Amino acid sequence: MASFKKSFESLKGTSHSATKAVTDTAVQAAQEAVQQVAESSKETASTAAVEAGRQTQVAIGKAADKATDTIKEFGQKLETK
């Protein structure tokens, strides 16, 4: 009976250690996954900000070109009068 109890306690300790190792591994994997998602989100936000800045500069350039053309046309109209 004593050896059965000793074996049971040993099995219980081994089982507890294995469960803790699996839990620790699962927690670590979840933390790594969260970290990867966070980094990916930062990269996505950064890429979106860069693209928004590029598009804004393109729009400003087009508006400036249009303003320049309008001023030139106005100047030409004044010269003909």
C-alpha atoms as a PDB file:
ATOM      1  CA  MET A   1       0.000   0.000   0.000  1.00  0.00           C
ATOM      2  CA  ALA A   2       2.839   2.377   0.854  1.00  0.00           C
ATOM      3  CA  SER A   3       4.518   1.796  -2.512  1.00  0.00           C
ATOM      4  CA  PHE A   4       1.182   2.380  -4.279  1.00  0.00           C
ATOM      5  CA  LYS A   5       0.786   5.683  -2.445  1.00  0.00           C
ATOM      6  CA  LYS A   6       4.388   6.630  -3.260  1.00  0.00           C
ATOM      7  CA  SER A   7       3.833   5.790  -6.945  1.00  0.00           C
ATOM      8  CA  PHE A   8       0.596   7.767  -6.951  1.00  0.00           C
ATOM      9  CA  GLU A   9       2.309  10.809  -5.396  1.00  0.00           C
ATOM     10  CA  SER A  10       5.132  10.522  -7.945  1.00  0.00           C
ATOM     11  CA  LEU A  11       2.617  10.324 -10.792  1.00  0.00           C
ATOM     12  CA  LYS A  12       0.752  13.288  -9.338  1.00  0.00           C
ATOM     13  CA  GLY A  13       3.969  15.351  -9.186  1.00  0.00           C
ATOM     14  CA  THR A  14       4.960  14.362 -12.726  1.00  0.00           C
ATOM     15  CA  SER A  15       1.479  15.142 -13.999  1.00  0.00           C
ATOM     16  CA  HIS A  16       1.539  18.537 -12.276  1.00  0.00           C
ATOM     17  CA  SER A  17       4.963  19.334 -13.777  1.00  0.00           C
ATOM     18  CA  ALA A  18       3.798  18.330 -17.250  1.00  0.00           C
ATOM     19  CA  THR A  19       0.627  20.400 -16.926  1.00  0.00           C
ATOM     20  CA  LYS A  20       2.637  23.429 -15.799  1.00  0.00           C
ATOM     21  CA  ALA A  21       5.051  23.029 -18.722  1.00  0.00           C
ATOM     22  CA  VAL A  22       2.177  22.808 -21.217  1.00  0.00           C
ATOM     23  CA  THR A  23       0.479  25.834 -19.648  1.00  0.00           C
ATOM     24  CA  ASP A  24       3.709  27.853 -19.640  1.00  0.00           C
ATOM     25  CA  THR A  25       4.315  26.958 -23.285  1.00  0.00           C
ATOM     26  CA  ALA A  26       0.761  27.923 -24.244  1.00  0.00           C
ATOM     27  CA  VAL A  27       1.040  31.243 -22.405  1.00  0.00           C
ATOM     28  CA  GLN A  28       4.373  31.983 -24.080  1.00  0.00           C
ATOM     29  CA  ALA A  29       2.937  31.147 -27.518  1.00  0.00           C
ATOM     30  CA  ALA A  30      -0.055  33.408 -26.880  1.00  0.00           C
ATOM     31  CA  GLN A  31       2.218  36.249 -25.779  1.00  0.00           C
ATOM     32  CA  GLU A  32       4.343  35.849 -28.900  1.00  0.00           C
ATOM     33  CA  ALA A  33       1.223  35.852 -31.080  1.00  0.00           C
ATOM     34  CA  VAL A  34      -0.039  39.036 -29.435  1.00  0.00           C
ATOM     35  CA  GLN A  35       3.382  40.647 -29.916  1.00  0.00           C
ATOM     36  CA  GLN A  36       3.414  39.707 -33.612  1.00  0.00           C
ATOM     37  CA  VAL A  37      -0.072  41.151 -34.108  1.00  0.00           C
ATOM     38  CA  ALA A  38       0.964  44.352 -32.334  1.00  0.00           C
ATOM     39  CA  GLU A  39       4.073  44.687 -34.515  1.00  0.00           C
ATOM     40  CA  SER A  40       2.054  43.961 -37.636  1.00  0.00           C
ATOM     41  CA  SER A  41      -0.481  46.608 -36.635  1.00  0.00           C
ATOM     42  CA  LYS A  42       2.301  49.150 -36.142  1.00  0.00           C
ATOM     43  CA  GLU A  43       3.718  48.333 -39.573  1.00  0.00           C
ATOM     44  CA  THR A  44       0.274  48.582 -41.156  1.00  0.00           C
ATOM     45  CA  ALA A  45      -0.396  51.927 -39.462  1.00  0.00           C
ATOM     46  CA  SER A  46       3.006  53.216 -40.521  1.00  0.00           C
ATOM     47  CA  THR A  47       2.472  52.083 -44.102  1.00  0.00           C
ATOM     48  CA  ALA A  48      -0.964  53.702 -44.151  1.00  0.00           C
ATOM     49  CA  ALA A  49       0.475  56.966 -42.795  1.00  0.00           C
ATOM     50  CA  VAL A  50       3.219  56.986 -45.428  1.00  0.00           C
ATOM     51  CA  GLU A  51       0.687  56.324 -48.194  1.00  0.00           C
ATOM     52  CA  ALA A  52      -1.639  59.037 -46.874  1.00  0.00           C
ATOM     53  CA  GLY A  53       1.279  61.482 -46.842  1.00  0.00           C
ATOM     54  CA  ARG A  54       2.215  60.533 -50.396  1.00  0.00           C
ATOM     55  CA  GLN A  55      -1.335  60.981 -51.627  1.00  0.00           C
ATOM     56  CA  THR A  56      -1.575  64.334 -49.843  1.00  0.00           C
ATOM     57  CA  GLN A  57       1.595  65.532 -51.553  1.00  0.00           C
ATOM     58  CA  VAL A  58       0.266  64.392 -54.938  1.00  0.00           C
ATOM     59  CA  ALA A  59      -2.984  66.287 -54.307  1.00  0.00           C
ATOM     60  CA  ILE A  60      -1.078  69.417 -53.233  1.00  0.00           C
ATOM     61  CA  GLY A  61       1.079  69.162 -56.347  1.00  0.00           C
ATOM     62  CA  LYS A  62      -1.979  68.907 -58.590  1.00  0.00           C
ATOM     63  CA  ALA A  63      -3.630  71.862 -56.838  1.00  0.00           C
ATOM     64  CA  ALA A  64      -0.450  73.913 -57.205  1.00  0.00           C
ATOM     65  CA  ASP A  65      -0.231  73.063 -60.920  1.00  0.00           C
ATOM     66  CA  LYS A  66      -3.862  74.058 -61.397  1.00  0.00           C
ATOM     67  CA  ALA A  67      -3.309  77.325 -59.519  1.00  0.00           C
ATOM     68  CA  THR A  68      -0.239  78.049 -61.643  1.00  0.00           C
ATOM     69  CA  ASP A  69      -2.195  77.401 -64.839  1.00  0.00           C
ATOM     70  CA  THR A  70      -5.045  79.616 -63.652  1.00  0.00           C
ATOM     71  CA  ILE A  71      -2.665  82.460 -62.829  1.00  0.00           C
ATOM     72  CA  LYS A  72      -0.962  82.134 -66.224  1.00  0.00           C
ATOM     73  CA  GLU A  73      -4.333  82.232 -68.000  1.00  0.00           C
ATOM     74  CA  PHE A  74      -5.345  85.271 -65.981  1.00  0.00           C
ATOM     75  CA  GLY A  75      -2.050  86.965 -66.812  1.00  0.00           C
ATOM     76  CA  GLN A  76      -2.536  86.255 -70.521  1.00  0.00           C
ATOM     77  CA  LYS A  77      -6.036  87.692 -70.419  1.00  0.00           C
ATOM     78  CA  LEU A  78      -4.733  90.871 -68.809  1.00  0.00           C
ATOM     79  CA  GLU A  79      -2.038  91.224 -71.469  1.00  0.00           C
ATOM     80  CA  THR A  80      -4.567  91.053 -74.290  1.00  0.00           C
ATOM     81  CA  LYS A  81      -6.701  93.841 -72.829  1.00  0.00           C
END
